[in-house]
Amino acid sequence: VDPTMKRRMGASGAKEAKERRKRMKNDDFFIESESSGDEVDNGGELQGVGAEDDDVYAHETADERRLRVAKEFLAKIESIPQGKDAENDEKDIVDDEKAEGLDPIALRLHRAALKLKGKLKKRVAEGLSERSTPEFKVRILRGHRLPVTCVALSADDTTAYSGSKDGTIIKWDIKLGKKLHTQHRVKKRTRKKKKSNAAKMNDNTSEQKEYGHTGTVLCLAVSTDGKLLASGGVDKQLFIWETDTFRLKYRLLGHRAGITCVAFRENTYQCFSGSDDRTVRVWDLETGAFVESLHGHTSQILSMDSLLQDRAVTCGYDQTCRVWKIPEQTQLLFKGARGAMDCVRLLDDDHWVTACQDG
């Protein structure tokens, strides 16, 4: 045999032997680390996996030992309390057919999935009593010069926003009952005559644009995180404000009539707006882009709402309620009212309530 070939065979054999020893070492480490739960009692004797256990498991294969360790690990997870949520697990209403016959760990994961979708229901009425009912206090907040047309609350119920026929938007501190900011109405801009280049050079005054509604504010909505406020009005403009500074983030145009309702999809910056022009427009407020326009109503849209799923529910003067499924680009039509539907609110993604002019 060629000496060079001998050296190559020797090197490759040594490399394979090294890798084989490494794999055996890793397997031994995994098995030892999973089964090294020995404890010492007061008498100093080993408890758990000791000499006697070694004899019991001496003839186990590696696969059988891994299976046993996995079962012990699942048993430990089952016994670990999950904090306050575990105390309320018994109050959860899980009436889904998929939950039947699930083991405790799978049932816990099923509850978490329902909670993420906003479909987890809890029994709370049986824990209420008359003594636990708080006393309600009515506080009157004054600041608008004309009737208030719309109100929106932040998700934490600490801040309120109100719009009025006077074209103003007021931010309120609910706890203190005082105004935090007032966004005033602005005058309609009239077309000015174009100045010549010489006049522009001689004009040293810098005109700063002021943005705001030029007429009645008809609708308000706050994002789930409380950072954005959407407002619409008879001036066909949809304004997106930063709630901390009330700096204008976007001015969205596109509706051909007054904007009567607006809603945010929960936990997102996706926004829906409804109008007297009988259309629903979808906006992406991450970029301020128009997404699409939805057609179907035969009269003015009066109210809308949205929750976790990528859909919106609307109602209007045409005595119908419509569910818009955005990804599928479909709509569900519901009839039954004998008058115009003034408002709609979602209880969850599958149930809602409406109020109509027929009482």
Foldseek 3Di string as FASTA:
>chain_A
DDVVVVVVVVVVVVVVVVVVVVVVVVLVCVLCVLQVPWDADPVRDIDRCDPVNCVVCVPPDSVRSVVVSVVVVVVVVVPDADPPVNVQPVQKDDPDPVLPPDDPVVNVVVQVVCVVQVNIDGDDPVVDDPVPDDDDDDDDADDDPADWAEKEAALVRQWIWTWFQQQKIWIAGVVVRDTDDIQHADADDDDDDDDDPVVVVVDPDDDDDRDGHNGGWAEWEAANVRQWIWTWFQVQWIWIAGVVVRDTDDIDHDDPGTWHYKEDEHPAQWIWTFFQSQKIWIAHSVPRDTDDIAHDDPGGWAEKYHYHAQWIWTFFQSQWIWIARVVVRDIDIDHDDPGGWRYKDAPHPVDIDTDGPVD
